[in-house]
Amino acid sequence: SQCHGVMDYETNQLIRALIRPLETAKPGGPDGNLVALYVSVHGFVDRGELYFAVGDSVADDQETWVKFSELYDQVFKTIESRKDEYPGMRVAMFIDAARVGPQWDWGQFTESFASDCARDCAIHADRIAVVLSARSGQRSWWNPRSGQGLFAEVLVEALTTPRADLDGDEMVTLGEI
């Protein structure tokens, strides 16, 4: 039940801002070994590499982009460093990264973020589950009435109401979300 915000962090601080809470979070869930991370960014692929664009990212300056692989590797290293304290610790990463289509002004012509993410996340899939807001070719929409992304709204609803408990066992699994 620990929540940390990352709004307005600059490129160099995004990974650290997500990892810092993971270093001390107490896992929960039915087996007491799960921590959830949520991040809302723009995801894109450049030359086969997954990146996030954040508030201060610049289209023609790769130094302002955040490599997805660096975040993913840091998440794995962090949960590994805590294996004595929490054996079998797992992380569910909820990533809202598909709000726009191909971005011509960024020179991005591909919509392969979701499929490339699935490929890159296979290495630690038993420890890190990545849930994206949209599949390849789909968009993640914003609700102007609430000022929230629809992915975030549905995620919060799934975690806080019984509607997502599809099998009625009083637990909401990643599969049910």
C-alpha atoms as a PDB file:
ATOM      1  CA  SER A   1       0.000   0.000   0.000  1.00  0.00           C
ATOM      2  CA  GLN A   2       2.964   2.328  -0.542  1.00  0.00           C
ATOM      3  CA  CYS A   3       2.518   4.831  -3.353  1.00  0.00           C
ATOM      4  CA  HIS A   4       5.180   7.068  -4.803  1.00  0.00           C
ATOM      5  CA  GLY A   5       4.822   9.608  -7.587  1.00  0.00           C
ATOM      6  CA  VAL A   6       7.281  10.296 -10.338  1.00  0.00           C
ATOM      7  CA  MET A   7       5.565  13.274 -11.983  1.00  0.00           C
ATOM      8  CA  ASP A   8       7.853  15.925 -13.425  1.00  0.00           C
ATOM      9  CA  TYR A   9      11.047  13.910 -13.033  1.00  0.00           C
ATOM     10  CA  GLU A  10      13.630  14.576 -15.645  1.00  0.00           C
ATOM     11  CA  THR A  11      15.057  11.890 -17.901  1.00  0.00           C
ATOM     12  CA  ASN A  12      18.054  11.083 -15.708  1.00  0.00           C
ATOM     13  CA  GLN A  13      15.895  10.641 -12.628  1.00  0.00           C
ATOM     14  CA  LEU A  14      13.083   8.431 -13.904  1.00  0.00           C
ATOM     15  CA  ILE A  15      14.710   5.048 -13.270  1.00  0.00           C
ATOM     16  CA  ARG A  16      15.999   6.038  -9.852  1.00  0.00           C
ATOM     17  CA  ALA A  17      12.583   7.431  -8.902  1.00  0.00           C
ATOM     18  CA  LEU A  18      10.978   4.082  -9.745  1.00  0.00           C
ATOM     19  CA  ILE A  19      13.682   1.916  -8.162  1.00  0.00           C
ATOM     20  CA  ARG A  20      14.002   3.822  -4.872  1.00  0.00           C
ATOM     21  CA  PRO A  21      10.578   2.708  -3.535  1.00  0.00           C
ATOM     22  CA  LEU A  22      11.233  -0.833  -4.764  1.00  0.00           C
ATOM     23  CA  GLU A  23      14.318  -1.002  -2.546  1.00  0.00           C
ATOM     24  CA  THR A  24      12.209  -0.722   0.612  1.00  0.00           C
ATOM     25  CA  ALA A  25       8.678  -1.739  -0.368  1.00  0.00           C
ATOM     26  CA  LYS A  26       7.132  -4.562   1.607  1.00  0.00           C
ATOM     27  CA  PRO A  27       5.726  -7.116  -0.840  1.00  0.00           C
ATOM     28  CA  GLY A  28       2.085  -8.094  -0.552  1.00  0.00           C
ATOM     29  CA  GLY A  29      -0.390 -10.231  -2.411  1.00  0.00           C
ATOM     30  CA  PRO A  30      -1.628 -13.722  -1.590  1.00  0.00           C
ATOM     31  CA  ASP A  31       1.904 -15.127  -1.244  1.00  0.00           C
ATOM     32  CA  GLY A  32       3.417 -11.968   0.273  1.00  0.00           C
ATOM     33  CA  ASN A  33       5.956 -11.655  -2.537  1.00  0.00           C
ATOM     34  CA  LEU A  34       4.519  -9.124  -5.013  1.00  0.00           C
ATOM     35  CA  VAL A  35       5.279  -5.436  -5.536  1.00  0.00           C
ATOM     36  CA  ALA A  36       3.527  -3.363  -8.205  1.00  0.00           C
ATOM     37  CA  LEU A  37       5.102  -0.491 -10.141  1.00  0.00           C
ATOM     38  CA  TYR A  38       3.089   1.857 -12.345  1.00  0.00           C
ATOM     39  CA  VAL A  39       4.618   4.208 -14.885  1.00  0.00           C
ATOM     40  CA  SER A  40       2.954   6.493 -17.407  1.00  0.00           C
ATOM     41  CA  VAL A  41       5.283   7.532 -20.224  1.00  0.00           C
ATOM     42  CA  HIS A  42       5.435   7.545 -24.010  1.00  0.00           C
ATOM     43  CA  GLY A  43       6.939   4.312 -25.308  1.00  0.00           C
ATOM     44  CA  PHE A  44       8.617   3.980 -28.682  1.00  0.00           C
ATOM     45  CA  VAL A  45      11.117   1.874 -30.593  1.00  0.00           C
ATOM     46  CA  ASP A  46      14.248   3.233 -32.239  1.00  0.00           C
ATOM     47  CA  ARG A  47      16.474   0.878 -34.236  1.00  0.00           C
ATOM     48  CA  GLY A  48      15.006  -2.118 -32.430  1.00  0.00           C
ATOM     49  CA  GLU A  49      15.582  -0.670 -28.927  1.00  0.00           C
ATOM     50  CA  LEU A  50      12.709   0.207 -26.584  1.00  0.00           C
ATOM     51  CA  TYR A  51      12.678   3.700 -25.101  1.00  0.00           C
ATOM     52  CA  PHE A  52      10.516   5.923 -22.956  1.00  0.00           C
ATOM     53  CA  ALA A  53      10.049   9.601 -23.679  1.00  0.00           C
ATOM     54  CA  VAL A  54       9.374  11.709 -20.597  1.00  0.00           C
ATOM     55  CA  GLY A  55       8.509  15.371 -20.113  1.00  0.00           C
ATOM     56  CA  ASP A  56      11.942  16.728 -20.969  1.00  0.00           C
ATOM     57  CA  SER A  57      12.763  14.281 -23.791  1.00  0.00           C
ATOM     58  CA  VAL A  58      13.740  15.807 -27.120  1.00  0.00           C
ATOM     59  CA  ALA A  59      13.060  14.028 -30.421  1.00  0.00           C
ATOM     60  CA  ASP A  60      16.555  14.396 -31.866  1.00  0.00           C
ATOM     61  CA  ASP A  61      18.516  13.922 -28.620  1.00  0.00           C
ATOM     62  CA  GLN A  62      18.835  10.263 -27.667  1.00  0.00           C
ATOM     63  CA  GLU A  63      20.484  11.277 -24.383  1.00  0.00           C
ATOM     64  CA  THR A  64      17.078  12.526 -23.214  1.00  0.00           C
ATOM     65  CA  TRP A  65      15.387   9.168 -23.800  1.00  0.00           C
ATOM     66  CA  VAL A  66      15.121   6.456 -21.149  1.00  0.00           C
ATOM     67  CA  LYS A  67      16.079   2.938 -22.245  1.00  0.00           C
ATOM     68  CA  PHE A  68      13.461   0.417 -21.218  1.00  0.00           C
ATOM     69  CA  SER A  69      16.172  -2.231 -20.821  1.00  0.00           C
ATOM     70  CA  GLU A  70      17.917  -0.113 -18.184  1.00  0.00           C
ATOM     71  CA  LEU A  71      14.730   0.127 -16.120  1.00  0.00           C
ATOM     72  CA  TYR A  72      13.969  -3.573 -16.558  1.00  0.00           C
ATOM     73  CA  ASP A  73      17.534  -4.580 -15.582  1.00  0.00           C
ATOM     74  CA  GLN A  74      17.445  -2.322 -12.513  1.00  0.00           C
ATOM     75  CA  VAL A  75      14.136  -3.819 -11.398  1.00  0.00           C
ATOM     76  CA  PHE A  76      15.624  -7.312 -11.659  1.00  0.00           C
ATOM     77  CA  LYS A  77      18.829  -6.347  -9.829  1.00  0.00           C
ATOM     78  CA  THR A  78      16.789  -4.738  -7.061  1.00  0.00           C
ATOM     79  CA  ILE A  79      14.576  -7.745  -6.433  1.00  0.00           C
ATOM     80  CA  GLU A  80      17.624 -10.012  -6.567  1.00  0.00           C
ATOM     81  CA  SER A  81      19.362  -7.851  -3.957  1.00  0.00           C
ATOM     82  CA  ARG A  82      16.394  -8.424  -1.629  1.00  0.00           C
ATOM     83  CA  LYS A  83      16.189 -12.221  -2.070  1.00  0.00           C
ATOM     84  CA  ASP A  84      17.444 -12.926   1.467  1.00  0.00           C
ATOM     85  CA  GLU A  85      14.744 -10.698   2.938  1.00  0.00           C
ATOM     86  CA  TYR A  86      11.972 -11.710   0.490  1.00  0.00           C
ATOM     87  CA  PRO A  87      12.737 -14.977  -1.326  1.00  0.00           C
ATOM     88  CA  GLY A  88      10.844 -15.252  -4.588  1.00  0.00           C
ATOM     89  CA  MET A  89      10.003 -11.543  -4.718  1.00  0.00           C
ATOM     90  CA  ARG A  90       8.175 -10.616  -7.912  1.00  0.00           C
ATOM     91  CA  VAL A  91       7.273  -7.333  -9.550  1.00  0.00           C
ATOM     92  CA  ALA A  92       4.247  -6.450 -11.660  1.00  0.00           C
ATOM     93  CA  MET A  93       5.124  -3.479 -13.866  1.00  0.00           C
ATOM     94  CA  PHE A  94       2.058  -1.681 -15.201  1.00  0.00           C
ATOM     95  CA  ILE A  95       3.178   0.530 -18.076  1.00  0.00           C
ATOM     96  CA  ASP A  96       0.940   3.063 -19.775  1.00  0.00           C
ATOM     97  CA  ALA A  97       3.098   3.774 -22.808  1.00  0.00           C
ATOM     98  CA  ALA A  98       0.896   3.754 -25.892  1.00  0.00           C
ATOM     99  CA  ARG A  99      -0.940   7.044 -26.055  1.00  0.00           C
ATOM    100  CA  VAL A 100       0.014   8.013 -29.592  1.00  0.00           C
ATOM    101  CA  GLY A 101       0.539   6.315 -32.923  1.00  0.00           C
ATOM    102  CA  PRO A 102       3.540   6.656 -35.189  1.00  0.00           C
ATOM    103  CA  GLN A 103       5.108  10.019 -34.479  1.00  0.00           C
ATOM    104  CA  TRP A 104       6.251  11.521 -37.743  1.00  0.00           C
ATOM    105  CA  ASP A 105       7.890  14.497 -36.034  1.00  0.00           C
ATOM    106  CA  TRP A 106      10.009  12.048 -33.998  1.00  0.00           C
ATOM    107  CA  GLY A 107      10.813   9.985 -37.086  1.00  0.00           C
ATOM    108  CA  GLN A 108       9.006   7.028 -35.491  1.00  0.00           C
ATOM    109  CA  PHE A 109       7.189   4.941 -38.044  1.00  0.00           C
ATOM    110  CA  THR A 110       6.686   1.698 -36.106  1.00  0.00           C
ATOM    111  CA  GLU A 111       3.994   0.551 -33.724  1.00  0.00           C
ATOM    112  CA  SER A 112       5.951  -2.400 -32.376  1.00  0.00           C
ATOM    113  CA  PHE A 113       6.470  -1.256 -28.761  1.00  0.00           C
ATOM    114  CA  ALA A 114       4.169  -3.955 -27.321  1.00  0.00           C
ATOM    115  CA  SER A 115       5.552  -6.844 -29.362  1.00  0.00           C
ATOM    116  CA  ASP A 116       9.164  -5.751 -28.836  1.00  0.00           C
ATOM    117  CA  CYS A 117       8.478  -5.362 -25.111  1.00  0.00           C
ATOM    118  CA  ALA A 118       7.138  -8.928 -24.929  1.00  0.00           C
ATOM    119  CA  ARG A 119      10.326 -10.149 -26.622  1.00  0.00           C
ATOM    120  CA  ASP A 120      12.626  -8.180 -24.305  1.00  0.00           C
ATOM    121  CA  CYS A 121      10.753  -9.146 -21.121  1.00  0.00           C
ATOM    122  CA  ALA A 122      10.938 -12.892 -21.692  1.00  0.00           C
ATOM    123  CA  ILE A 123      14.317 -13.138 -19.944  1.00  0.00           C
ATOM    124  CA  HIS A 124      12.923 -12.618 -16.413  1.00  0.00           C
ATOM    125  CA  ALA A 125       9.248 -13.345 -17.034  1.00  0.00           C
ATOM    126  CA  ASP A 126       9.136 -15.603 -13.978  1.00  0.00           C
ATOM    127  CA  ARG A 127      10.079 -12.656 -11.721  1.00  0.00           C
ATOM    128  CA  ILE A 128       8.823  -9.563 -13.569  1.00  0.00           C
ATOM    129  CA  ALA A 129       5.394  -9.397 -15.177  1.00  0.00           C
ATOM    130  CA  VAL A 130       4.939  -6.475 -17.553  1.00  0.00           C
ATOM    131  CA  VAL A 131       1.383  -5.364 -18.259  1.00  0.00           C
ATOM    132  CA  LEU A 132       1.054  -2.778 -21.021  1.00  0.00           C
ATOM    133  CA  SER A 133      -1.876  -0.464 -21.589  1.00  0.00           C
ATOM    134  CA  ALA A 134      -2.267  -1.485 -25.233  1.00  0.00           C
ATOM    135  CA  ARG A 135      -1.205  -4.044 -27.815  1.00  0.00           C
ATOM    136  CA  SER A 136       0.697  -3.185 -30.982  1.00  0.00           C
ATOM    137  CA  GLY A 137      -1.424  -0.894 -33.127  1.00  0.00           C
ATOM    138  CA  GLN A 138      -3.711   0.059 -30.222  1.00  0.00           C
ATOM    139  CA  ARG A 139      -3.893   3.305 -28.223  1.00  0.00           C
ATOM    140  CA  SER A 140      -4.215   4.007 -24.551  1.00  0.00           C
ATOM    141  CA  TRP A 141      -6.776   6.748 -24.078  1.00  0.00           C
ATOM    142  CA  TRP A 142      -7.187   9.630 -21.656  1.00  0.00           C
ATOM    143  CA  ASN A 143     -10.421  10.487 -19.863  1.00  0.00           C
ATOM    144  CA  PRO A 144     -10.766  14.290 -20.010  1.00  0.00           C
ATOM    145  CA  ARG A 145     -13.574  14.226 -17.410  1.00  0.00           C
ATOM    146  CA  SER A 146     -11.434  12.640 -14.714  1.00  0.00           C
ATOM    147  CA  GLY A 147      -8.044  13.878 -15.896  1.00  0.00           C
ATOM    148  CA  GLN A 148      -6.727  10.302 -15.791  1.00  0.00           C
ATOM    149  CA  GLY A 149      -5.678   7.725 -18.327  1.00  0.00           C
ATOM    150  CA  LEU A 150      -8.259   5.004 -18.860  1.00  0.00           C
ATOM    151  CA  PHE A 151      -5.617   2.331 -18.161  1.00  0.00           C
ATOM    152  CA  ALA A 152      -4.938   3.843 -14.746  1.00  0.00           C
ATOM    153  CA  GLU A 153      -8.659   4.133 -13.991  1.00  0.00           C
ATOM    154  CA  VAL A 154      -9.320   0.506 -14.896  1.00  0.00           C
ATOM    155  CA  LEU A 155      -6.265  -0.672 -12.976  1.00  0.00           C
ATOM    156  CA  VAL A 156      -7.317   1.161  -9.815  1.00  0.00           C
ATOM    157  CA  GLU A 157     -10.861  -0.183 -10.194  1.00  0.00           C
ATOM    158  CA  ALA A 158      -9.529  -3.737 -10.608  1.00  0.00           C
ATOM    159  CA  LEU A 159      -7.447  -3.453  -7.467  1.00  0.00           C
ATOM    160  CA  THR A 160     -10.062  -1.790  -5.289  1.00  0.00           C
ATOM    161  CA  THR A 161     -13.434  -3.304  -6.227  1.00  0.00           C
ATOM    162  CA  PRO A 162     -14.714  -6.884  -6.344  1.00  0.00           C
ATOM    163  CA  ARG A 163     -15.645  -6.604 -10.046  1.00  0.00           C
ATOM    164  CA  ALA A 164     -12.214  -7.821 -11.175  1.00  0.00           C
ATOM    165  CA  ASP A 165     -12.383 -10.950  -9.012  1.00  0.00           C
ATOM    166  CA  LEU A 166     -13.726 -13.068 -11.857  1.00  0.00           C
ATOM    167  CA  ASP A 167     -13.526 -16.426 -10.093  1.00  0.00           C
ATOM    168  CA  GLY A 168     -14.941 -15.141  -6.792  1.00  0.00           C
ATOM    169  CA  ASP A 169     -12.012 -16.269  -4.642  1.00  0.00           C
ATOM    170  CA  GLU A 170     -11.648 -12.806  -3.045  1.00  0.00           C
ATOM    171  CA  MET A 171      -8.267 -12.249  -4.745  1.00  0.00           C
ATOM    172  CA  VAL A 172      -7.518 -10.347  -7.934  1.00  0.00           C
ATOM    173  CA  THR A 173      -4.758 -12.013  -9.939  1.00  0.00           C
ATOM    174  CA  LEU A 174      -2.690 -10.496 -12.732  1.00  0.00           C
ATOM    175  CA  GLY A 175      -4.620 -12.722 -15.117  1.00  0.00           C
ATOM    176  CA  GLU A 176      -7.912 -11.256 -13.934  1.00  0.00           C
ATOM    177  CA  ILE A 177      -6.648  -7.720 -14.354  1.00  0.00           C
END
